[in-house]
PDB file of N, CA and C in Angstrom:
ATOM      1  N   MET A   1     -14.143 -31.012 -17.800  1.00  0.00           N
ATOM      2  CA  MET A   1     -14.010 -29.851 -17.351  1.00  0.00           C
ATOM      3  C   MET A   1     -15.205 -29.867 -15.688  1.00  0.00           C
ATOM      4  N   ALA A   2     -15.578 -29.752 -14.545  1.00  0.00           N
ATOM      5  CA  ALA A   2     -16.530 -29.528 -13.910  1.00  0.00           C
ATOM      6  C   ALA A   2     -16.761 -28.226 -13.969  1.00  0.00           C
ATOM      7  N   ILE A   3     -17.883 -28.471 -14.120  1.00  0.00           N
ATOM      8  CA  ILE A   3     -19.353 -27.373 -14.372  1.00  0.00           C
ATOM      9  C   ILE A   3     -19.937 -26.685 -12.818  1.00  0.00           C
ATOM     10  N   ASN A   4     -19.340 -24.738 -12.409  1.00  0.00           N
ATOM     11  CA  ASN A   4     -20.024 -24.648 -11.210  1.00  0.00           C
ATOM     12  C   ASN A   4     -20.696 -23.910 -11.159  1.00  0.00           C
ATOM     13  N   PRO A   5     -22.005 -23.300 -11.442  1.00  0.00           N
ATOM     14  CA  PRO A   5     -22.417 -23.269 -10.186  1.00  0.00           C
ATOM     15  C   PRO A   5     -23.016 -25.121 -11.138  1.00  0.00           C
ATOM     16  N   PRO A   6     -23.146 -26.272 -10.271  1.00  0.00           N
ATOM     17  CA  PRO A   6     -23.797 -27.788 -11.076  1.00  0.00           C
ATOM     18  C   PRO A   6     -24.782 -27.375 -11.683  1.00  0.00           C
ATOM     19  N   PHE A   7     -24.817 -28.165 -13.031  1.00  0.00           N
ATOM     20  CA  PHE A   7     -26.402 -28.645 -13.266  1.00  0.00           C
ATOM     21  C   PHE A   7     -27.165 -29.987 -13.278  1.00  0.00           C
ATOM     22  N   ALA A   8     -28.384 -29.945 -13.484  1.00  0.00           N
ATOM     23  CA  ALA A   8     -28.950 -30.521 -12.655  1.00  0.00           C
ATOM     24  C   ALA A   8     -29.567 -31.046 -14.353  1.00  0.00           C
ATOM     25  N   THR A   9     -29.937 -30.963 -15.538  1.00  0.00           N
ATOM     26  CA  THR A   9     -30.014 -31.517 -16.568  1.00  0.00           C
ATOM     27  C   THR A   9     -29.002 -30.987 -18.189  1.00  0.00           C
ATOM     28  N   SER A  10     -29.692 -31.786 -18.927  1.00  0.00           N
ATOM     29  CA  SER A  10     -28.791 -30.826 -20.231  1.00  0.00           C
ATOM     30  C   SER A  10     -29.664 -31.822 -21.134  1.00  0.00           C
ATOM     31  N   GLU A  11     -29.161 -30.463 -22.539  1.00  0.00           N
ATOM     32  CA  GLU A  11     -30.343 -30.885 -23.833  1.00  0.00           C
ATOM     33  C   GLU A  11     -28.804 -30.714 -24.518  1.00  0.00           C
ATOM     34  N   VAL A  12     -28.602 -31.212 -25.705  1.00  0.00           N
ATOM     35  CA  VAL A  12     -27.793 -31.601 -26.586  1.00  0.00           C
ATOM     36  C   VAL A  12     -28.585 -31.143 -28.239  1.00  0.00           C
ATOM     37  N   ARG A  13     -28.152 -30.261 -28.491  1.00  0.00           N
ATOM     38  CA  ARG A  13     -28.951 -30.211 -29.996  1.00  0.00           C
ATOM     39  C   ARG A  13     -27.434 -29.725 -30.975  1.00  0.00           C
ATOM     40  N   HIS A  14     -27.156 -30.621 -31.437  1.00  0.00           N
ATOM     41  CA  HIS A  14     -26.139 -30.450 -32.799  1.00  0.00           C
ATOM     42  C   HIS A  14     -26.505 -30.214 -34.099  1.00  0.00           C
ATOM     43  N   ASN A  15     -25.609 -29.765 -34.410  1.00  0.00           N
ATOM     44  CA  ASN A  15     -25.860 -28.648 -36.321  1.00  0.00           C
ATOM     45  C   ASN A  15     -27.136 -27.702 -36.027  1.00  0.00           C
ATOM     46  N   THR A  16     -27.004 -27.174 -34.561  1.00  0.00           N
ATOM     47  CA  THR A  16     -27.574 -26.119 -33.819  1.00  0.00           C
ATOM     48  C   THR A  16     -27.197 -24.857 -33.732  1.00  0.00           C
ATOM     49  N   PRO A  17     -27.058 -23.755 -34.055  1.00  0.00           N
ATOM     50  CA  PRO A  17     -28.277 -23.229 -35.091  1.00  0.00           C
ATOM     51  C   PRO A  17     -27.360 -23.014 -36.117  1.00  0.00           C
ATOM     52  N   GLN A  18     -26.630 -23.875 -36.160  1.00  0.00           N
ATOM     53  CA  GLN A  18     -25.697 -23.451 -37.488  1.00  0.00           C
ATOM     54  C   GLN A  18     -25.472 -25.001 -37.640  1.00  0.00           C
ATOM     55  N   ALA A  19     -24.857 -25.537 -39.212  1.00  0.00           N
ATOM     56  CA  ALA A  19     -23.940 -26.810 -39.137  1.00  0.00           C
ATOM     57  C   ALA A  19     -22.660 -26.965 -38.311  1.00  0.00           C
ATOM     58  N   ASN A  20     -22.060 -27.577 -37.860  1.00  0.00           N
ATOM     59  CA  ASN A  20     -20.750 -27.914 -37.191  1.00  0.00           C
ATOM     60  C   ASN A  20     -20.771 -27.439 -35.308  1.00  0.00           C
ATOM     61  N   VAL A  21     -21.910 -26.654 -35.793  1.00  0.00           N
ATOM     62  CA  VAL A  21     -21.812 -26.440 -34.168  1.00  0.00           C
ATOM     63  C   VAL A  21     -22.661 -26.704 -33.153  1.00  0.00           C
ATOM     64  N   THR A  22     -22.724 -27.117 -32.264  1.00  0.00           N
ATOM     65  CA  THR A  22     -23.225 -28.503 -31.025  1.00  0.00           C
ATOM     66  C   THR A  22     -24.031 -27.129 -29.625  1.00  0.00           C
ATOM     67  N   THR A  23     -24.995 -27.503 -29.471  1.00  0.00           N
ATOM     68  CA  THR A  23     -25.366 -25.615 -28.742  1.00  0.00           C
ATOM     69  C   THR A  23     -26.102 -26.805 -27.323  1.00  0.00           C
ATOM     70  N   LEU A  24     -25.409 -26.931 -26.539  1.00  0.00           N
ATOM     71  CA  LEU A  24     -25.449 -27.052 -25.413  1.00  0.00           C
ATOM     72  C   LEU A  24     -26.858 -26.514 -24.118  1.00  0.00           C
ATOM     73  N   LEU A  25     -27.112 -27.071 -23.720  1.00  0.00           N
ATOM     74  CA  LEU A  25     -28.357 -25.669 -22.556  1.00  0.00           C
ATOM     75  C   LEU A  25     -28.061 -26.982 -21.360  1.00  0.00           C
ATOM     76  N   LEU A  26     -27.207 -26.502 -20.435  1.00  0.00           N
ATOM     77  CA  LEU A  26     -27.317 -26.893 -19.158  1.00  0.00           C
ATOM     78  C   LEU A  26     -28.236 -25.986 -18.010  1.00  0.00           C
ATOM     79  N   ARG A  27     -28.928 -27.063 -17.347  1.00  0.00           N
ATOM     80  CA  ARG A  27     -30.121 -26.041 -16.664  1.00  0.00           C
ATOM     81  C   ARG A  27     -29.705 -25.987 -15.399  1.00  0.00           C
ATOM     82  N   SER A  28     -29.800 -25.029 -14.439  1.00  0.00           N
ATOM     83  CA  SER A  28     -28.895 -25.129 -13.404  1.00  0.00           C
ATOM     84  C   SER A  28     -29.309 -25.660 -11.811  1.00  0.00           C
ATOM     85  N   ALA A  29     -28.761 -26.505 -11.026  1.00  0.00           N
ATOM     86  CA  ALA A  29     -29.497 -27.488 -10.434  1.00  0.00           C
ATOM     87  C   ALA A  29     -30.323 -27.113  -9.379  1.00  0.00           C
ATOM     88  N   ARG A  30     -29.601 -25.812  -8.706  1.00  0.00           N
ATOM     89  CA  ARG A  30     -30.427 -24.636  -7.872  1.00  0.00           C
ATOM     90  C   ARG A  30     -31.420 -23.270  -8.182  1.00  0.00           C
ATOM     91  N   GLU A  31     -32.300 -22.933  -8.412  1.00  0.00           N
ATOM     92  CA  GLU A  31     -33.060 -21.861  -8.505  1.00  0.00           C
ATOM     93  C   GLU A  31     -32.866 -20.634  -8.658  1.00  0.00           C
ATOM     94  N   SER A  32     -32.116 -20.756  -7.684  1.00  0.00           N
ATOM     95  CA  SER A  32     -30.914 -19.326  -7.678  1.00  0.00           C
ATOM     96  C   SER A  32     -29.803 -19.609  -8.479  1.00  0.00           C
ATOM     97  N   ASP A  33     -29.448 -20.699  -9.216  1.00  0.00           N
ATOM     98  CA  ASP A  33     -28.431 -20.186 -10.256  1.00  0.00           C
ATOM     99  C   ASP A  33     -28.684 -19.808 -11.576  1.00  0.00           C
ATOM    100  N   ALA A  34     -28.392 -19.318 -12.414  1.00  0.00           N
ATOM    101  CA  ALA A  34     -28.654 -19.177 -14.193  1.00  0.00           C
ATOM    102  C   ALA A  34     -28.274 -20.663 -14.585  1.00  0.00           C
ATOM    103  N   SER A  35     -29.183 -21.079 -15.744  1.00  0.00           N
ATOM    104  CA  SER A  35     -28.783 -22.058 -16.345  1.00  0.00           C
ATOM    105  C   SER A  35     -27.911 -21.609 -17.791  1.00  0.00           C
ATOM    106  N   MET A  36     -27.237 -21.817 -18.468  1.00  0.00           N
ATOM    107  CA  MET A  36     -26.162 -21.668 -19.296  1.00  0.00           C
ATOM    108  C   MET A  36     -26.569 -22.574 -20.949  1.00  0.00           C
ATOM    109  N   ILE A  37     -26.097 -21.362 -21.600  1.00  0.00           N
ATOM    110  CA  ILE A  37     -25.489 -22.114 -23.358  1.00  0.00           C
ATOM    111  C   ILE A  37     -24.642 -22.269 -23.400  1.00  0.00           C
ATOM    112  N   LEU A  38     -23.912 -23.169 -24.013  1.00  0.00           N
ATOM    113  CA  LEU A  38     -22.508 -22.895 -24.517  1.00  0.00           C
ATOM    114  C   LEU A  38     -23.246 -23.653 -26.018  1.00  0.00           C
ATOM    115  N   ARG A  39     -22.400 -22.802 -26.956  1.00  0.00           N
ATOM    116  CA  ARG A  39     -22.620 -23.234 -28.461  1.00  0.00           C
ATOM    117  C   ARG A  39     -20.900 -23.650 -28.726  1.00  0.00           C
ATOM    118  N   LEU A  40     -20.460 -24.496 -29.371  1.00  0.00           N
ATOM    119  CA  LEU A  40     -19.337 -25.021 -29.456  1.00  0.00           C
ATOM    120  C   LEU A  40     -18.877 -26.095 -30.780  1.00  0.00           C
ATOM    121  N   PRO A  41     -17.763 -25.327 -31.770  1.00  0.00           N
ATOM    122  CA  PRO A  41     -18.057 -25.512 -33.108  1.00  0.00           C
ATOM    123  C   PRO A  41     -17.390 -27.370 -32.971  1.00  0.00           C
ATOM    124  N   ASP A  42     -18.391 -28.393 -33.781  1.00  0.00           N
ATOM    125  CA  ASP A  42     -17.639 -29.318 -34.100  1.00  0.00           C
ATOM    126  C   ASP A  42     -16.686 -30.184 -34.704  1.00  0.00           C
ATOM    127  N   PHE A  43     -15.329 -29.104 -34.352  1.00  0.00           N
ATOM    128  CA  PHE A  43     -14.144 -29.193 -35.068  1.00  0.00           C
ATOM    129  C   PHE A  43     -12.798 -27.989 -34.967  1.00  0.00           C
ATOM    130  N   GLY A  44     -11.137 -28.789 -34.743  1.00  0.00           N
ATOM    131  CA  GLY A  44     -10.409 -27.861 -34.377  1.00  0.00           C
ATOM    132  C   GLY A  44      -9.960 -27.615 -35.362  1.00  0.00           C
ATOM    133  N   LEU A  45      -9.074 -26.693 -35.666  1.00  0.00           N
ATOM    134  CA  LEU A  45      -7.701 -26.483 -36.587  1.00  0.00           C
ATOM    135  C   LEU A  45      -6.475 -26.851 -36.567  1.00  0.00           C
ATOM    136  N   THR A  46      -5.792 -27.901 -37.858  1.00  0.00           N
ATOM    137  CA  THR A  46      -4.196 -28.015 -36.873  1.00  0.00           C
ATOM    138  C   THR A  46      -3.407 -26.552 -37.569  1.00  0.00           C
ATOM    139  N   ASN A  47      -2.474 -26.431 -37.527  1.00  0.00           N
ATOM    140  CA  ASN A  47      -2.027 -25.311 -37.588  1.00  0.00           C
ATOM    141  C   ASN A  47      -1.208 -25.527 -39.141  1.00  0.00           C
ATOM    142  N   SER A  48      -1.384 -26.090 -39.952  1.00  0.00           N
ATOM    143  CA  SER A  48      -1.603 -26.664 -41.431  1.00  0.00           C
ATOM    144  C   SER A  48      -3.501 -26.119 -41.944  1.00  0.00           C
ATOM    145  N   SER A  49      -4.061 -25.619 -41.015  1.00  0.00           N
ATOM    146  CA  SER A  49      -5.451 -25.781 -41.509  1.00  0.00           C
ATOM    147  C   SER A  49      -6.419 -26.718 -41.509  1.00  0.00           C
ATOM    148  N   GLU A  50      -6.061 -27.963 -41.427  1.00  0.00           N
ATOM    149  CA  GLU A  50      -6.338 -29.338 -41.215  1.00  0.00           C
ATOM    150  C   GLU A  50      -7.666 -29.297 -40.566  1.00  0.00           C
ATOM    151  N   ARG A  51      -8.835 -29.246 -40.750  1.00  0.00           N
ATOM    152  CA  ARG A  51     -10.420 -29.429 -39.940  1.00  0.00           C
ATOM    153  C   ARG A  51      -9.941 -30.935 -38.994  1.00  0.00           C
ATOM    154  N   VAL A  52     -10.187 -31.269 -37.580  1.00  0.00           N
ATOM    155  CA  VAL A  52     -10.469 -32.333 -36.904  1.00  0.00           C
ATOM    156  C   VAL A  52     -11.369 -32.186 -36.186  1.00  0.00           C
ATOM    157  N   ALA A  53     -11.870 -33.229 -36.142  1.00  0.00           N
ATOM    158  CA  ALA A  53     -13.387 -33.208 -35.950  1.00  0.00           C
ATOM    159  C   ALA A  53     -13.126 -33.336 -34.280  1.00  0.00           C
ATOM    160  N   CYS A  54     -14.507 -32.643 -33.526  1.00  0.00           N
ATOM    161  CA  CYS A  54     -14.760 -33.307 -32.536  1.00  0.00           C
ATOM    162  C   CYS A  54     -16.002 -33.346 -31.436  1.00  0.00           C
ATOM    163  N   SER A  55     -16.023 -34.134 -30.554  1.00  0.00           N
ATOM    164  CA  SER A  55     -17.104 -33.582 -30.074  1.00  0.00           C
ATOM    165  C   SER A  55     -17.399 -33.637 -28.793  1.00  0.00           C
ATOM    166  N   CYS A  56     -18.761 -33.341 -27.440  1.00  0.00           N
ATOM    167  CA  CYS A  56     -18.745 -33.242 -26.690  1.00  0.00           C
ATOM    168  C   CYS A  56     -20.128 -34.039 -26.071  1.00  0.00           C
ATOM    169  N   MET A  57     -19.677 -34.378 -25.153  1.00  0.00           N
ATOM    170  CA  MET A  57     -20.723 -34.554 -24.060  1.00  0.00           C
ATOM    171  C   MET A  57     -20.772 -34.101 -22.489  1.00  0.00           C
ATOM    172  N   VAL A  58     -21.920 -34.424 -22.445  1.00  0.00           N
ATOM    173  CA  VAL A  58     -22.121 -33.692 -20.620  1.00  0.00           C
ATOM    174  C   VAL A  58     -23.183 -34.727 -20.000  1.00  0.00           C
ATOM    175  N   ASP A  59     -22.793 -34.326 -18.741  1.00  0.00           N
ATOM    176  CA  ASP A  59     -22.909 -35.774 -17.315  1.00  0.00           C
ATOM    177  C   ASP A  59     -23.330 -34.446 -17.093  1.00  0.00           C
ATOM    178  N   SER A  60     -24.756 -35.251 -16.372  1.00  0.00           N
ATOM    179  CA  SER A  60     -25.614 -34.533 -14.914  1.00  0.00           C
ATOM    180  C   SER A  60     -25.211 -34.834 -14.031  1.00  0.00           C
ATOM    181  N   THR A  61     -24.831 -36.217 -14.081  1.00  0.00           N
ATOM    182  CA  THR A  61     -24.601 -37.036 -12.283  1.00  0.00           C
ATOM    183  C   THR A  61     -23.420 -36.066 -11.905  1.00  0.00           C
ATOM    184  N   ASN A  62     -22.210 -35.893 -11.887  1.00  0.00           N
ATOM    185  CA  ASN A  62     -21.244 -35.175 -12.203  1.00  0.00           C
ATOM    186  C   ASN A  62     -20.889 -33.914 -12.456  1.00  0.00           C
ATOM    187  N   SER A  63     -21.959 -33.250 -12.931  1.00  0.00           N
ATOM    188  CA  SER A  63     -22.190 -31.979 -13.748  1.00  0.00           C
ATOM    189  C   SER A  63     -20.472 -31.565 -14.530  1.00  0.00           C
ATOM    190  N   SER A  64     -20.349 -32.805 -15.721  1.00  0.00           N
ATOM    191  CA  SER A  64     -18.908 -32.061 -16.350  1.00  0.00           C
ATOM    192  C   SER A  64     -19.027 -31.992 -17.796  1.00  0.00           C
ATOM    193  N   LEU A  65     -18.602 -31.876 -18.295  1.00  0.00           N
ATOM    194  CA  LEU A  65     -18.102 -31.483 -19.934  1.00  0.00           C
ATOM    195  C   LEU A  65     -17.215 -32.220 -20.222  1.00  0.00           C
ATOM    196  N   THR A  66     -17.190 -33.316 -20.967  1.00  0.00           N
ATOM    197  CA  THR A  66     -15.669 -33.842 -21.961  1.00  0.00           C
ATOM    198  C   THR A  66     -16.103 -33.177 -23.427  1.00  0.00           C
ATOM    199  N   ILE A  67     -14.660 -32.744 -24.041  1.00  0.00           N
ATOM    200  CA  ILE A  67     -15.093 -32.342 -25.301  1.00  0.00           C
ATOM    201  C   ILE A  67     -13.631 -33.547 -25.964  1.00  0.00           C
ATOM    202  N   THR A  68     -13.819 -34.098 -26.939  1.00  0.00           N
ATOM    203  CA  THR A  68     -12.839 -35.333 -27.272  1.00  0.00           C
ATOM    204  C   THR A  68     -12.968 -35.145 -28.867  1.00  0.00           C
ATOM    205  N   PHE A  69     -11.181 -34.857 -29.166  1.00  0.00           N
ATOM    206  CA  PHE A  69     -10.670 -34.571 -30.595  1.00  0.00           C
ATOM    207  C   PHE A  69     -10.309 -36.393 -30.825  1.00  0.00           C
ATOM    208  N   ASP A  70     -10.488 -36.442 -32.507  1.00  0.00           N
ATOM    209  CA  ASP A  70     -10.031 -37.090 -33.274  1.00  0.00           C
ATOM    210  C   ASP A  70      -8.399 -36.568 -33.257  1.00  0.00           C
ATOM    211  N   HIS A  71      -7.597 -37.606 -33.936  1.00  0.00           N
ATOM    212  CA  HIS A  71      -6.565 -38.151 -33.450  1.00  0.00           C
ATOM    213  C   HIS A  71      -5.827 -36.496 -35.035  1.00  0.00           C
ATOM    214  N   PHE A  72      -4.940 -36.027 -34.623  1.00  0.00           N
ATOM    215  CA  PHE A  72      -3.505 -35.003 -34.926  1.00  0.00           C
ATOM    216  C   PHE A  72      -2.700 -35.093 -34.676  1.00  0.00           C
ATOM    217  N   ASP A  73      -1.766 -34.666 -35.688  1.00  0.00           N
ATOM    218  CA  ASP A  73      -0.488 -35.155 -36.205  1.00  0.00           C
ATOM    219  C   ASP A  73       0.312 -33.367 -35.750  1.00  0.00           C
ATOM    220  N   ALA A  74      -0.273 -32.630 -35.409  1.00  0.00           N
ATOM    221  CA  ALA A  74       0.428 -31.124 -35.217  1.00  0.00           C
ATOM    222  C   ALA A  74      -0.310 -30.186 -33.871  1.00  0.00           C
ATOM    223  N   ASP A  75      -0.194 -29.130 -34.188  1.00  0.00           N
ATOM    224  CA  ASP A  75      -0.999 -28.297 -32.482  1.00  0.00           C
ATOM    225  C   ASP A  75      -2.371 -28.517 -33.159  1.00  0.00           C
ATOM    226  N   LEU A  76      -2.978 -27.641 -32.331  1.00  0.00           N
ATOM    227  CA  LEU A  76      -4.419 -27.239 -33.211  1.00  0.00           C
ATOM    228  C   LEU A  76      -5.223 -26.672 -32.124  1.00  0.00           C
ATOM    229  N   ASP A  77      -5.694 -25.563 -32.771  1.00  0.00           N
ATOM    230  CA  ASP A  77      -6.370 -24.264 -31.907  1.00  0.00           C
ATOM    231  C   ASP A  77      -8.310 -24.912 -32.260  1.00  0.00           C
ATOM    232  N   TYR A  78      -8.715 -24.554 -30.719  1.00  0.00           N
ATOM    233  CA  TYR A  78      -9.652 -24.843 -30.584  1.00  0.00           C
ATOM    234  C   TYR A  78     -10.093 -23.452 -30.184  1.00  0.00           C
ATOM    235  N   ASP A  79     -11.540 -22.919 -30.677  1.00  0.00           N
ATOM    236  CA  ASP A  79     -11.321 -21.345 -30.603  1.00  0.00           C
ATOM    237  C   ASP A  79     -13.629 -21.309 -30.362  1.00  0.00           C
ATOM    238  N   PRO A  80     -13.789 -21.765 -29.105  1.00  0.00           N
ATOM    239  CA  PRO A  80     -15.184 -21.649 -28.988  1.00  0.00           C
ATOM    240  C   PRO A  80     -15.962 -19.930 -29.371  1.00  0.00           C
ATOM    241  N   GLY A  81     -15.113 -19.517 -29.369  1.00  0.00           N
ATOM    242  CA  GLY A  81     -15.905 -17.445 -29.303  1.00  0.00           C
ATOM    243  C   GLY A  81     -16.521 -17.074 -28.319  1.00  0.00           C
ATOM    244  N   THR A  82     -16.995 -15.934 -28.455  1.00  0.00           N
ATOM    245  CA  THR A  82     -17.865 -15.037 -27.243  1.00  0.00           C
ATOM    246  C   THR A  82     -19.934 -15.506 -27.872  1.00  0.00           C
ATOM    247  N   CYS A  83     -19.280 -15.218 -25.862  1.00  0.00           N
ATOM    248  CA  CYS A  83     -21.158 -14.805 -25.961  1.00  0.00           C
ATOM    249  C   CYS A  83     -21.455 -13.869 -25.104  1.00  0.00           C
ATOM    250  N   GLY A  84     -22.434 -12.567 -25.470  1.00  0.00           N
ATOM    251  CA  GLY A  84     -22.724 -11.523 -24.845  1.00  0.00           C
ATOM    252  C   GLY A  84     -21.465 -10.945 -24.174  1.00  0.00           C
ATOM    253  N   ASP A  85     -21.479 -10.652 -22.891  1.00  0.00           N
ATOM    254  CA  ASP A  85     -19.683 -10.181 -22.257  1.00  0.00           C
ATOM    255  C   ASP A  85     -18.834 -10.794 -22.397  1.00  0.00           C
ATOM    256  N   PHE A  86     -18.930 -11.844 -22.082  1.00  0.00           N
ATOM    257  CA  PHE A  86     -17.329 -12.870 -21.920  1.00  0.00           C
ATOM    258  C   PHE A  86     -16.268 -12.376 -22.891  1.00  0.00           C
ATOM    259  N   ARG A  87     -14.967 -12.920 -22.322  1.00  0.00           N
ATOM    260  CA  ARG A  87     -13.899 -12.430 -23.373  1.00  0.00           C
ATOM    261  C   ARG A  87     -13.709 -13.586 -24.260  1.00  0.00           C
ATOM    262  N   GLU A  88     -13.215 -13.605 -25.400  1.00  0.00           N
ATOM    263  CA  GLU A  88     -12.793 -15.175 -26.208  1.00  0.00           C
ATOM    264  C   GLU A  88     -12.165 -15.918 -25.707  1.00  0.00           C
ATOM    265  N   TYR A  89     -12.031 -16.801 -25.873  1.00  0.00           N
ATOM    266  CA  TYR A  89     -11.446 -17.860 -24.948  1.00  0.00           C
ATOM    267  C   TYR A  89     -10.837 -18.382 -26.604  1.00  0.00           C
ATOM    268  N   LEU A  90      -9.461 -19.294 -26.062  1.00  0.00           N
ATOM    269  CA  LEU A  90      -8.288 -20.092 -27.267  1.00  0.00           C
ATOM    270  C   LEU A  90      -7.970 -21.046 -26.419  1.00  0.00           C
ATOM    271  N   VAL A  91      -8.710 -22.364 -27.218  1.00  0.00           N
ATOM    272  CA  VAL A  91      -7.692 -23.152 -26.190  1.00  0.00           C
ATOM    273  C   VAL A  91      -7.262 -24.132 -27.093  1.00  0.00           C
ATOM    274  N   MET A  92      -5.875 -23.840 -27.400  1.00  0.00           N
ATOM    275  CA  MET A  92      -4.491 -24.755 -27.862  1.00  0.00           C
ATOM    276  C   MET A  92      -4.209 -26.053 -27.427  1.00  0.00           C
ATOM    277  N   VAL A  93      -4.323 -27.041 -28.360  1.00  0.00           N
ATOM    278  CA  VAL A  93      -4.282 -28.129 -27.565  1.00  0.00           C
ATOM    279  C   VAL A  93      -2.923 -28.460 -28.375  1.00  0.00           C
ATOM    280  N   ARG A  94      -1.604 -29.410 -27.596  1.00  0.00           N
ATOM    281  CA  ARG A  94      -0.183 -29.553 -28.278  1.00  0.00           C
ATOM    282  C   ARG A  94      -0.241 -31.104 -28.298  1.00  0.00           C
ATOM    283  N   TRP A  95      -0.025 -31.917 -29.983  1.00  0.00           N
ATOM    284  CA  TRP A  95      -0.012 -33.184 -29.725  1.00  0.00           C
ATOM    285  C   TRP A  95       1.784 -33.604 -29.136  1.00  0.00           C
ATOM    286  N   CYS A  96       1.584 -34.210 -28.394  1.00  0.00           N
ATOM    287  CA  CYS A  96       3.158 -34.800 -28.242  1.00  0.00           C
ATOM    288  C   CYS A  96       3.449 -36.491 -28.069  1.00  0.00           C
TER     289      CYS A  96
END
């Protein structure tokens, strides 16, 4: 997914601040725009509560974030949670 406003540099910290969480620091390309910290779980859960590993990758060249999931054979819930005043998001992935 494209990140807007764009970021110039990124820092990835695995298992930070706790195990199974990746923290991304995306530093803004423009001084007038705020930088962003994202904390993403390293797994999703199928409808039978099985863990499915995932990883994230950032690309400063095109200011994008990619989340890749291991193979799964059922519906998958991926919930990055909340931060600050933002409402909670739940990403539902359906296997086809």
